[in-house]
Protein backbone atom coordinates (compact mmCIF):
# COMPACT_ATOMS: atom_id res chain seq x y z
CA MET A 1 126.79 33.94 120.63
CA HIS A 2 128.42 37.26 119.68
CA MET A 3 131.43 37.31 117.39
CA TYR A 4 133.97 40.10 117.76
CA THR A 5 136.76 41.18 115.44
CA SER A 6 139.86 42.79 116.88
CA ASP A 7 141.35 45.54 114.73
CA PRO A 8 144.71 47.26 115.43
CA ASN A 9 144.25 49.92 112.73
CA PRO A 10 143.35 53.60 113.27
CA VAL A 11 139.73 54.01 114.28
CA PRO A 12 137.16 55.23 111.73
CA VAL A 13 134.28 56.99 113.48
CA THR A 14 130.73 57.11 112.16
CA TYR A 15 129.80 60.57 113.43
CA ASP A 16 128.37 62.87 110.78
CA ASP A 17 129.90 66.35 110.55
CA GLN A 18 127.45 67.95 113.01
CA GLU A 19 127.89 65.16 115.56
CA LEU A 20 131.67 65.40 115.22
CA LEU A 21 131.51 69.16 115.78
CA GLY A 22 129.46 68.51 118.92
CA ILE A 23 132.02 66.04 120.25
CA VAL A 24 134.89 68.46 119.56
CA ASP A 25 132.94 71.25 121.28
CA LYS A 26 132.34 68.98 124.28
CA CYS A 27 136.06 68.19 124.44
CA LEU A 28 137.00 71.87 124.32
CA SER A 29 134.42 72.77 126.98
CA GLU A 30 136.12 70.28 129.31
CA THR A 31 139.56 71.78 128.57
CA ASP A 32 140.92 74.85 130.25
CA GLY A 33 143.29 76.86 128.11
CA GLU A 34 145.78 74.74 126.22
CA PHE A 35 145.00 71.53 124.33
CA SER A 36 146.49 69.47 121.51
CA TYR A 37 145.30 68.11 118.19
CA LYS A 38 146.13 64.54 119.22
CA GLY A 39 144.34 65.06 122.52
CA VAL A 40 141.16 66.08 120.69
CA CYS A 41 141.49 63.06 118.38
CA ARG A 42 141.92 60.68 121.34
CA TYR A 43 138.87 62.22 122.99
CA VAL A 44 136.79 61.67 119.83
CA VAL A 45 137.97 58.05 119.53
CA ASN A 46 137.21 57.31 123.18
CA GLU A 47 133.74 58.84 122.88
CA ALA A 48 133.10 56.88 119.66
CA LYS A 49 134.18 53.60 121.25
CA ARG A 50 132.03 54.25 124.31
CA ASN A 51 128.97 55.07 122.17
CA ASP A 52 129.38 52.40 119.45
CA LYS A 53 130.08 55.11 116.86
CA VAL A 54 132.96 53.29 115.14
CA GLU A 55 132.81 51.37 111.87
CA GLY A 56 131.75 47.81 112.55
CA ALA A 57 130.35 48.58 116.01
CA PRO A 58 129.51 46.79 118.16
CA HIS A 59 131.19 43.73 116.66
CA THR A 60 134.60 45.27 116.00
CA LYS A 61 136.90 46.17 118.88
CA TYR A 62 139.75 48.54 117.97
CA SER A 63 142.91 48.21 120.04
CA SER A 64 144.24 51.50 118.65
CA SER A 65 143.40 54.91 120.08
CA ASP A 66 144.50 56.67 116.87
CA ILE A 67 141.82 58.19 114.68
CA SER A 68 141.56 57.36 110.97
CA ILE A 69 143.29 59.73 108.58
CA ALA A 70 139.99 60.83 107.00
CA ASP A 71 138.40 61.61 110.37
CA GLY A 72 141.57 63.38 111.52
CA ILE A 73 141.22 65.67 108.52
CA ARG A 74 137.60 66.39 109.45
CA ILE A 75 138.78 67.35 112.96
CA SER A 76 141.48 69.56 111.41
CA LYS A 77 138.80 71.36 109.41
CA ILE A 78 136.73 71.94 112.56
CA LEU A 79 139.78 73.35 114.36
CA TRP A 80 140.57 75.65 111.40
CA GLU A 81 137.00 76.95 111.46
CA LYS A 82 137.45 77.68 115.16
CA ILE A 83 140.66 79.58 114.35
CA TRP A 84 138.85 81.61 111.68
CA ASN A 85 136.04 82.33 114.17
CA ARG A 86 138.65 83.51 116.71
CA GLU A 87 137.69 80.83 119.24
CA ILE A 88 141.17 79.25 119.38
CA PHE A 89 144.69 79.95 118.13
CA VAL A 90 147.81 77.91 117.42
CA ALA A 91 150.28 78.09 120.31
CA PHE A 92 153.75 78.03 118.77
CA GLY A 93 156.71 76.54 120.62
CA ASP A 94 156.86 73.87 123.29
CA ASN A 95 155.30 73.68 126.71
CA PRO A 96 157.20 71.05 128.71
CA TYR A 97 154.64 71.27 131.52
CA ARG A 98 151.72 69.98 129.43
CA GLY A 99 153.20 66.76 128.07
CA ILE A 100 152.40 67.62 124.47
CA GLY A 101 154.95 66.03 122.14
CA LYS A 102 156.94 67.82 119.47
CA ASP A 103 155.02 65.92 116.78
CA ASP A 104 151.72 67.39 117.95
CA THR A 105 150.08 70.81 117.50
CA ARG A 106 149.23 72.95 120.50
CA PHE A 107 146.17 75.20 120.59
CA TYR A 108 144.84 77.66 123.12
CA LYS A 109 141.26 78.72 123.72
CA LEU A 110 140.45 82.44 123.60
């Protein structure tokens, strides 16, 4: 009999830095043009859940789709490196046609 724990907290992923970079790259390759920080984080969480790459997997089921603060910072670092490498840039202002909230950061691929 398998025991499962339900956890409503933000999701800590177990990807190492190279794996996380690969997941972010995969997300961006599937995105045309504009994307958001929170969208990338949701993508990483969904991939981690699907591949049992969350803390406690496979016995912990997270009801949240928010990423842990520490892993969100790792994603921020990856995005900054992509800015420095001139792969993406911050898109200032709002785009009401993309459904990206005011509390999110918009990016655009070069």
